[in-house]
C-alpha atoms as a PDB file:
ATOM      1  CA  MET A   1     142.929  -0.248 -81.614  1.00  0.00           C
ATOM      2  CA  ASP A   2     145.447   0.372 -84.557  1.00  0.00           C
ATOM      3  CA  THR A   3     143.152   2.937 -85.943  1.00  0.00           C
ATOM      4  CA  GLU A   4     142.891   4.821 -82.735  1.00  0.00           C
ATOM      5  CA  ALA A   5     146.634   4.708 -82.213  1.00  0.00           C
ATOM      6  CA  LYS A   6     147.160   6.079 -85.631  1.00  0.00           C
ATOM      7  CA  HIS A   7     144.632   8.807 -85.043  1.00  0.00           C
ATOM      8  CA  THR A   8     146.353   9.808 -81.772  1.00  0.00           C
ATOM      9  CA  GLU A   9     149.694  10.027 -83.589  1.00  0.00           C
ATOM     10  CA  ARG A  10     148.231  12.201 -86.280  1.00  0.00           C
ATOM     11  CA  ASP A  11     146.910  14.670 -83.623  1.00  0.00           C
ATOM     12  CA  LEU A  12     150.584  15.426 -82.457  1.00  0.00           C
ATOM     13  CA  PRO A  13     151.717  18.948 -83.369  1.00  0.00           C
ATOM     14  CA  PRO A  14     153.480  18.869 -86.676  1.00  0.00           C
ATOM     15  CA  ASP A  15     156.703  20.264 -85.276  1.00  0.00           C
ATOM     16  CA  ALA A  16     156.902  18.044 -82.287  1.00  0.00           C
ATOM     17  CA  GLU A  17     159.897  16.178 -83.585  1.00  0.00           C
ATOM     18  CA  ARG A  18     161.765  19.392 -84.227  1.00  0.00           C
ATOM     19  CA  ARG A  19     161.494  20.817 -80.721  1.00  0.00           C
ATOM     20  CA  PRO A  20     164.644  19.319 -79.381  1.00  0.00           C
ATOM     21  CA  GLU A  21     166.489  20.865 -82.327  1.00  0.00           C
ATOM     22  CA  ARG A  22     164.983  24.313 -81.455  1.00  0.00           C
ATOM     23  CA  ARG A  23     166.118  23.938 -77.873  1.00  0.00           C
ATOM     24  CA  SER A  24     169.642  23.100 -79.175  1.00  0.00           C
ATOM     25  CA  ARG A  25     169.641  26.245 -81.374  1.00  0.00           C
ATOM     26  CA  PHE A  26     168.454  28.364 -78.496  1.00  0.00           C
ATOM     27  CA  ALA A  27     171.233  27.059 -76.306  1.00  0.00           C
ATOM     28  CA  LEU A  28     173.807  27.715 -79.071  1.00  0.00           C
ATOM     29  CA  SER A  29     172.480  31.269 -79.304  1.00  0.00           C
ATOM     30  CA  TRP A  30     173.228  31.859 -75.566  1.00  0.00           C
ATOM     31  CA  ARG A  31     176.713  30.314 -75.913  1.00  0.00           C
ATOM     32  CA  THR A  32     177.360  32.661 -78.898  1.00  0.00           C
ATOM     33  CA  THR A  33     176.126  35.654 -76.938  1.00  0.00           C
ATOM     34  CA  GLY A  34     178.378  34.733 -73.996  1.00  0.00           C
ATOM     35  CA  LEU A  35     181.422  34.407 -76.306  1.00  0.00           C
ATOM     36  CA  LEU A  36     180.603  37.746 -77.888  1.00  0.00           C
ATOM     37  CA  GLY A  37     180.305  39.318 -74.478  1.00  0.00           C
ATOM     38  CA  LEU A  38     183.638  37.930 -73.362  1.00  0.00           C
ATOM     39  CA  ALA A  39     185.347  39.057 -76.602  1.00  0.00           C
ATOM     40  CA  TRP A  40     183.960  42.538 -76.162  1.00  0.00           C
ATOM     41  CA  ALA A  41     185.154  42.613 -72.488  1.00  0.00           C
ATOM     42  CA  VAL A  42     188.646  41.429 -73.520  1.00  0.00           C
ATOM     43  CA  GLY A  43     188.760  44.006 -76.368  1.00  0.00           C
ATOM     44  CA  MET A  44     187.748  46.794 -74.074  1.00  0.00           C
ATOM     45  CA  LEU A  45     190.373  45.779 -71.534  1.00  0.00           C
ATOM     46  CA  LEU A  46     193.082  45.805 -74.227  1.00  0.00           C
ATOM     47  CA  VAL A  47     191.914  49.289 -75.475  1.00  0.00           C
ATOM     48  CA  SER A  48     191.880  50.560 -71.967  1.00  0.00           C
ATOM     49  CA  HIS A  49     195.370  49.188 -71.212  1.00  0.00           C
ATOM     50  CA  PHE A  50     196.944  50.641 -74.456  1.00  0.00           C
ATOM     51  CA  VAL A  51     194.759  53.452 -75.929  1.00  0.00           C
ATOM     52  CA  ILE A  52     192.153  55.026 -73.768  1.00  0.00           C
ATOM     53  CA  GLN A  53     190.788  54.261 -70.370  1.00  0.00           C
ATOM     54  CA  PRO A  54     187.735  55.605 -68.459  1.00  0.00           C
ATOM     55  CA  PHE A  55     188.627  57.025 -65.113  1.00  0.00           C
ATOM     56  CA  ARG A  56     185.995  57.802 -62.423  1.00  0.00           C
ATOM     57  CA  ILE A  57     186.682  61.055 -60.486  1.00  0.00           C
ATOM     58  CA  PRO A  58     186.576  60.135 -56.770  1.00  0.00           C
ATOM     59  CA  SER A  59     186.947  63.465 -55.064  1.00  0.00           C
ATOM     60  CA  GLY A  60     186.335  67.162 -55.568  1.00  0.00           C
ATOM     61  CA  SER A  61     190.050  68.094 -55.872  1.00  0.00           C
ATOM     62  CA  MET A  62     189.695  69.220 -59.433  1.00  0.00           C
ATOM     63  CA  GLU A  63     186.326  71.074 -59.276  1.00  0.00           C
ATOM     64  CA  PRO A  64     185.061  72.926 -61.138  1.00  0.00           C
ATOM     65  CA  THR A  65     186.857  71.398 -64.116  1.00  0.00           C
ATOM     66  CA  LEU A  66     185.950  67.813 -63.104  1.00  0.00           C
ATOM     67  CA  GLN A  67     183.311  66.902 -60.680  1.00  0.00           C
ATOM     68  CA  VAL A  68     182.811  63.874 -58.341  1.00  0.00           C
ATOM     69  CA  GLY A  69     181.384  60.960 -60.317  1.00  0.00           C
ATOM     70  CA  ASP A  70     182.560  62.274 -63.795  1.00  0.00           C
ATOM     71  CA  ARG A  71     183.938  59.563 -65.924  1.00  0.00           C
ATOM     72  CA  VAL A  72     186.799  61.070 -67.867  1.00  0.00           C
ATOM     73  CA  VAL A  73     188.440  59.427 -70.922  1.00  0.00           C
ATOM     74  CA  VAL A  74     192.242  59.212 -70.433  1.00  0.00           C
ATOM     75  CA  ASN A  75     194.166  59.394 -73.669  1.00  0.00           C
ATOM     76  CA  LYS A  76     197.064  56.954 -73.183  1.00  0.00           C
ATOM     77  CA  LEU A  77     198.572  57.780 -76.461  1.00  0.00           C
ATOM     78  CA  ALA A  78     199.079  61.508 -75.534  1.00  0.00           C
ATOM     79  CA  TYR A  79     202.640  60.963 -74.403  1.00  0.00           C
ATOM     80  CA  ARG A  80     203.565  57.698 -76.222  1.00  0.00           C
ATOM     81  CA  PHE A  81     205.526  58.899 -79.174  1.00  0.00           C
ATOM     82  CA  GLY A  82     207.991  61.418 -77.785  1.00  0.00           C
ATOM     83  CA  ALA A  83     205.402  64.017 -76.501  1.00  0.00           C
ATOM     84  CA  VAL A  84     205.698  64.986 -72.828  1.00  0.00           C
ATOM     85  CA  PRO A  85     203.181  66.554 -70.410  1.00  0.00           C
ATOM     86  CA  ALA A  86     202.834  70.307 -70.821  1.00  0.00           C
ATOM     87  CA  ARG A  87     201.908  73.009 -68.221  1.00  0.00           C
ATOM     88  CA  GLY A  88     198.138  73.141 -67.941  1.00  0.00           C
ATOM     89  CA  ASP A  89     197.565  69.503 -69.009  1.00  0.00           C
ATOM     90  CA  VAL A  90     195.213  67.486 -66.712  1.00  0.00           C
ATOM     91  CA  VAL A  91     196.876  64.201 -66.100  1.00  0.00           C
ATOM     92  CA  VAL A  92     196.151  60.835 -64.418  1.00  0.00           C
ATOM     93  CA  PHE A  93     199.203  59.302 -62.841  1.00  0.00           C
ATOM     94  CA  ASP A  94     200.327  56.473 -60.523  1.00  0.00           C
ATOM     95  CA  GLY A  95     201.326  58.214 -57.207  1.00  0.00           C
ATOM     96  CA  THR A  96     203.387  55.243 -55.996  1.00  0.00           C
ATOM     97  CA  GLY A  97     206.685  56.603 -54.731  1.00  0.00           C
ATOM     98  CA  SER A  98     205.675  60.209 -54.866  1.00  0.00           C
ATOM     99  CA  PHE A  99     202.188  60.766 -53.305  1.00  0.00           C
ATOM    100  CA  LEU A 100     202.334  57.339 -51.718  1.00  0.00           C
ATOM    101  CA  ARG A 101     205.413  55.866 -50.195  1.00  0.00           C
ATOM    102  CA  THR A 102     204.159  52.237 -50.467  1.00  0.00           C
ATOM    103  CA  VAL A 103     201.370  50.414 -52.367  1.00  0.00           C
ATOM    104  CA  PRO A 104     198.467  49.481 -50.073  1.00  0.00           C
ATOM    105  CA  GLU A 105     198.191  45.714 -49.498  1.00  0.00           C
ATOM    106  CA  GLU A 106     195.079  43.982 -50.937  1.00  0.00           C
ATOM    107  CA  ASN A 107     193.838  40.481 -51.796  1.00  0.00           C
ATOM    108  CA  PRO A 108     195.210  39.466 -55.205  1.00  0.00           C
ATOM    109  CA  VAL A 109     191.913  38.168 -56.549  1.00  0.00           C
ATOM    110  CA  THR A 110     189.973  41.200 -55.263  1.00  0.00           C
ATOM    111  CA  GLY A 111     192.635  43.525 -56.696  1.00  0.00           C
ATOM    112  CA  LEU A 112     192.384  41.873 -60.124  1.00  0.00           C
ATOM    113  CA  LEU A 113     188.650  42.093 -60.280  1.00  0.00           C
ATOM    114  CA  HIS A 114     188.708  45.621 -59.050  1.00  0.00           C
ATOM    115  CA  GLY A 115     191.404  46.561 -61.503  1.00  0.00           C
ATOM    116  CA  ALA A 116     189.408  45.143 -64.402  1.00  0.00           C
ATOM    117  CA  ALA A 117     186.188  47.018 -63.263  1.00  0.00           C
ATOM    118  CA  ALA A 118     188.150  50.243 -62.793  1.00  0.00           C
ATOM    119  CA  ALA A 119     189.591  49.856 -66.316  1.00  0.00           C
ATOM    120  CA  LEU A 120     186.162  49.757 -67.662  1.00  0.00           C
ATOM    121  CA  GLY A 121     185.102  52.799 -65.620  1.00  0.00           C
ATOM    122  CA  LEU A 122     182.772  50.669 -63.460  1.00  0.00           C
ATOM    123  CA  ALA A 123     184.556  51.112 -60.176  1.00  0.00           C
ATOM    124  CA  GLU A 124     186.537  53.720 -58.206  1.00  0.00           C
ATOM    125  CA  PRO A 125     190.162  54.048 -59.579  1.00  0.00           C
ATOM    126  CA  ALA A 126     193.011  52.314 -57.754  1.00  0.00           C
ATOM    127  CA  ASP A 127     194.113  53.967 -54.492  1.00  0.00           C
ATOM    128  CA  THR A 128     197.355  54.738 -56.133  1.00  0.00           C
ATOM    129  CA  ASP A 129     195.959  56.740 -59.094  1.00  0.00           C
ATOM    130  CA  PHE A 130     195.473  60.555 -58.967  1.00  0.00           C
ATOM    131  CA  VAL A 131     194.294  63.224 -61.316  1.00  0.00           C
ATOM    132  CA  LYS A 132     195.829  66.789 -61.128  1.00  0.00           C
ATOM    133  CA  ARG A 133     196.804  69.633 -63.282  1.00  0.00           C
ATOM    134  CA  VAL A 134     200.512  70.112 -64.438  1.00  0.00           C
ATOM    135  CA  VAL A 135     201.751  73.434 -63.136  1.00  0.00           C
ATOM    136  CA  GLY A 136     205.513  73.010 -63.511  1.00  0.00           C
ATOM    137  CA  VAL A 137     207.597  70.766 -65.823  1.00  0.00           C
ATOM    138  CA  GLY A 138     211.240  69.826 -65.680  1.00  0.00           C
ATOM    139  CA  GLY A 139     213.544  72.820 -65.045  1.00  0.00           C
ATOM    140  CA  ASP A 140     210.756  75.212 -64.026  1.00  0.00           C
ATOM    141  CA  ARG A 141     210.928  77.332 -60.959  1.00  0.00           C
ATOM    142  CA  VAL A 142     207.558  77.527 -59.325  1.00  0.00           C
ATOM    143  CA  THR A 143     206.908  79.896 -56.411  1.00  0.00           C
ATOM    144  CA  CYS A 144     204.086  81.029 -54.264  1.00  0.00           C
ATOM    145  CA  CYS A 145     203.201  83.718 -54.298  1.00  0.00           C
ATOM    146  CA  ASP A 146     203.466  87.246 -55.747  1.00  0.00           C
ATOM    147  CA  GLU A 147     202.012  90.465 -54.167  1.00  0.00           C
ATOM    148  CA  GLU A 148     198.621  89.538 -55.687  1.00  0.00           C
ATOM    149  CA  GLY A 149     198.712  86.017 -54.398  1.00  0.00           C
ATOM    150  CA  ARG A 150     199.404  84.476 -57.705  1.00  0.00           C
ATOM    151  CA  ILE A 151     201.716  81.485 -58.371  1.00  0.00           C
ATOM    152  CA  LYS A 152     204.695  82.352 -60.619  1.00  0.00           C
ATOM    153  CA  VAL A 153     206.439  80.068 -63.039  1.00  0.00           C
ATOM    154  CA  ASN A 154     209.866  81.064 -64.219  1.00  0.00           C
ATOM    155  CA  GLY A 155     209.178  84.479 -62.846  1.00  0.00           C
ATOM    156  CA  VAL A 156     205.904  85.082 -64.594  1.00  0.00           C
ATOM    157  CA  PRO A 157     202.633  85.323 -62.630  1.00  0.00           C
ATOM    158  CA  VAL A 158     199.912  82.890 -63.797  1.00  0.00           C
ATOM    159  CA  ASP A 159     196.310  83.893 -63.909  1.00  0.00           C
ATOM    160  CA  GLU A 160     194.617  80.528 -63.177  1.00  0.00           C
ATOM    161  CA  GLY A 161     191.017  81.049 -64.491  1.00  0.00           C
ATOM    162  CA  TYR A 162     190.253  77.372 -63.834  1.00  0.00           C
ATOM    163  CA  LEU A 163     190.486  77.596 -60.119  1.00  0.00           C
ATOM    164  CA  HIS A 164     187.446  76.776 -57.858  1.00  0.00           C
ATOM    165  CA  PRO A 165     185.661  80.067 -57.108  1.00  0.00           C
ATOM    166  CA  GLY A 166     186.842  81.598 -53.802  1.00  0.00           C
ATOM    167  CA  ASP A 167     190.016  79.517 -53.726  1.00  0.00           C
ATOM    168  CA  ALA A 168     193.426  81.183 -53.331  1.00  0.00           C
ATOM    169  CA  PRO A 169     196.103  79.879 -55.638  1.00  0.00           C
ATOM    170  CA  SER A 170     197.925  78.433 -52.515  1.00  0.00           C
ATOM    171  CA  GLU A 171     197.768  78.962 -48.794  1.00  0.00           C
ATOM    172  CA  VAL A 172     201.125  77.035 -48.716  1.00  0.00           C
ATOM    173  CA  ARG A 173     204.172  79.132 -49.662  1.00  0.00           C
ATOM    174  CA  PHE A 174     206.858  77.337 -51.631  1.00  0.00           C
ATOM    175  CA  ASP A 175     209.769  77.992 -53.967  1.00  0.00           C
ATOM    176  CA  ILE A 176     210.895  74.944 -55.849  1.00  0.00           C
ATOM    177  CA  VAL A 177     212.719  74.013 -58.975  1.00  0.00           C
ATOM    178  CA  VAL A 178     211.236  70.989 -60.787  1.00  0.00           C
ATOM    179  CA  PRO A 179     213.939  68.276 -61.502  1.00  0.00           C
ATOM    180  CA  ASP A 180     214.163  67.163 -65.081  1.00  0.00           C
ATOM    181  CA  GLY A 181     211.859  64.148 -65.816  1.00  0.00           C
ATOM    182  CA  THR A 182     209.300  65.187 -63.232  1.00  0.00           C
ATOM    183  CA  LEU A 183     206.254  67.333 -62.791  1.00  0.00           C
ATOM    184  CA  TRP A 184     204.823  69.693 -60.158  1.00  0.00           C
ATOM    185  CA  VAL A 185     201.050  69.035 -60.087  1.00  0.00           C
ATOM    186  CA  MET A 186     198.240  70.739 -58.256  1.00  0.00           C
ATOM    187  CA  GLY A 187     194.401  70.409 -58.071  1.00  0.00           C
ATOM    188  CA  ASP A 188     192.053  73.038 -59.406  1.00  0.00           C
ATOM    189  CA  HIS A 189     190.173  73.093 -56.032  1.00  0.00           C
ATOM    190  CA  ARG A 190     193.154  74.170 -54.112  1.00  0.00           C
ATOM    191  CA  GLY A 191     191.372  74.193 -50.777  1.00  0.00           C
ATOM    192  CA  GLN A 192     190.386  70.561 -51.157  1.00  0.00           C
ATOM    193  CA  SER A 193     193.359  69.135 -52.998  1.00  0.00           C
ATOM    194  CA  ARG A 194     196.224  67.016 -51.619  1.00  0.00           C
ATOM    195  CA  ASP A 195     198.822  67.611 -54.248  1.00  0.00           C
ATOM    196  CA  SER A 196     202.554  68.352 -54.677  1.00  0.00           C
ATOM    197  CA  ARG A 197     202.382  71.059 -51.936  1.00  0.00           C
ATOM    198  CA  ASP A 198     201.524  68.355 -49.301  1.00  0.00           C
ATOM    199  CA  HIS A 199     204.551  66.211 -50.161  1.00  0.00           C
ATOM    200  CA  LEU A 200     207.277  68.824 -50.092  1.00  0.00           C
ATOM    201  CA  GLY A 201     208.935  67.107 -47.161  1.00  0.00           C
ATOM    202  CA  ALA A 202     208.586  63.579 -48.551  1.00  0.00           C
ATOM    203  CA  PRO A 203     211.241  61.775 -50.714  1.00  0.00           C
ATOM    204  CA  GLY A 204     210.938  63.391 -54.166  1.00  0.00           C
ATOM    205  CA  GLY A 205     209.650  66.621 -52.759  1.00  0.00           C
ATOM    206  CA  GLY A 206     206.121  66.153 -54.125  1.00  0.00           C
ATOM    207  CA  MET A 207     207.428  65.797 -57.768  1.00  0.00           C
ATOM    208  CA  VAL A 208     205.658  63.113 -59.906  1.00  0.00           C
ATOM    209  CA  PRO A 209     207.939  61.210 -62.388  1.00  0.00           C
ATOM    210  CA  VAL A 210     206.942  61.714 -65.932  1.00  0.00           C
ATOM    211  CA  ASP A 211     207.089  57.996 -66.533  1.00  0.00           C
ATOM    212  CA  MET A 212     204.431  57.497 -63.893  1.00  0.00           C
ATOM    213  CA  VAL A 213     201.913  59.427 -65.944  1.00  0.00           C
ATOM    214  CA  ILE A 214     199.190  57.139 -67.202  1.00  0.00           C
ATOM    215  CA  GLY A 215     197.743  59.654 -69.683  1.00  0.00           C
ATOM    216  CA  ARG A 216     195.925  62.895 -70.258  1.00  0.00           C
ATOM    217  CA  ALA A 217     192.311  63.456 -69.350  1.00  0.00           C
ATOM    218  CA  ASP A 218     190.941  64.728 -72.624  1.00  0.00           C
ATOM    219  CA  TRP A 219     187.143  64.184 -72.485  1.00  0.00           C
ATOM    220  CA  ILE A 220     184.274  63.944 -70.028  1.00  0.00           C
ATOM    221  CA  GLY A 221     182.201  60.962 -71.149  1.00  0.00           C
ATOM    222  CA  TRP A 222     179.591  60.598 -68.386  1.00  0.00           C
ATOM    223  CA  PRO A 223     177.167  61.745 -67.193  1.00  0.00           C
ATOM    224  CA  ALA A 224     175.653  62.643 -70.524  1.00  0.00           C
ATOM    225  CA  ARG A 225     174.787  66.140 -69.341  1.00  0.00           C
ATOM    226  CA  ARG A 226     178.568  66.756 -68.899  1.00  0.00           C
ATOM    227  CA  TRP A 227     179.685  65.495 -72.341  1.00  0.00           C
ATOM    228  CA  SER A 228     182.547  67.695 -73.390  1.00  0.00           C
ATOM    229  CA  GLY A 229     186.189  67.977 -73.821  1.00  0.00           C
ATOM    230  CA  VAL A 230     188.560  68.961 -70.982  1.00  0.00           C
ATOM    231  CA  ASP A 231     189.278  72.447 -72.113  1.00  0.00           C
ATOM    232  CA  ALA A 232     192.872  73.380 -72.712  1.00  0.00           C
ATOM    233  CA  THR A 233     194.092  76.592 -70.866  1.00  0.00           C
ATOM    234  CA  ASP A 234     196.144  79.482 -72.042  1.00  0.00           C
ATOM    235  CA  ALA A 235     197.069  80.437 -68.469  1.00  0.00           C
ATOM    236  CA  PHE A 236     200.717  79.499 -69.154  1.00  0.00           C
ATOM    237  CA  GLY A 237     200.932  81.065 -72.481  1.00  0.00           C
ATOM    238  CA  ALA A 238     203.354  83.826 -71.362  1.00  0.00           C
ATOM    239  CA  VAL A 239     205.594  81.482 -69.273  1.00  0.00           C
ATOM    240  CA  PRO A 240     209.041  81.354 -70.880  1.00  0.00           C
ATOM    241  CA  ASP A 241     210.977  78.035 -71.212  1.00  0.00           C
ATOM    242  CA  ALA A 242     213.012  77.162 -68.214  1.00  0.00           C
ATOM    243  CA  PRO A 243     216.585  78.392 -68.166  1.00  0.00           C
ATOM    244  CA  ALA A 244     219.287  76.110 -69.351  1.00  0.00           C
ATOM    245  CA  PRO A 245     221.124  74.197 -66.594  1.00  0.00           C
ATOM    246  CA  GLY A 246     223.657  76.524 -65.000  1.00  0.00           C
ATOM    247  CA  GLY A 247     221.809  79.633 -66.279  1.00  0.00           C
ATOM    248  CA  GLY A 248     220.183  80.417 -62.897  1.00  0.00           C
ATOM    249  CA  HIS A 249     216.671  81.333 -62.119  1.00  0.00           C
ATOM    250  CA  GLY A 250     215.753  84.983 -61.863  1.00  0.00           C
END
């Protein structure tokens, strides 16, 4: 009997006693992976909050420059150290108080989760966020339109080569002076864009405060076939600086 018992014991796999230890190491590996994943997500959220942020284009208002579904990389440092948005820049901004009078109500938990997903470029941007092109900066006089249908800035017609083919620069006529510290913004697909023109009669007159700008759209990161920078434009190269206060607008 003893001999048989010993023989049975000898037949056990040589690593039988180490299997629980292997399972422990396997479980530790999963914990490590989870912690690394959490650290990565936290790091990405910090980067997206302070440095760059993916932004999913939800509509065709900026076609052909930006297309529906593009993920653009928003440079949040572009205006952090004294620089200000310039004519021709494509900017992402919070439209609360300018394009939207109030913030839409939502469940706090749902809003937090959606905000985190949007910050990583995995969900639609917040309903309060917009992407448009800067056409006028503080002090500029922007008018529509001259005899050829072009928008004028400080009396100079602008040839907007970035416009959607077939679009007129504007079907809405206007003559405005942009207050200091604000921007006049328009979409490149003028026939499909709700922009500063649509808020002329609202408080603020359609102007976007500079301090509500989230950043400048500098790159298209996704889809892969669209990888490129968001090209700068020289359309405003001939536009002079705005007249000094009290100097009048000719």
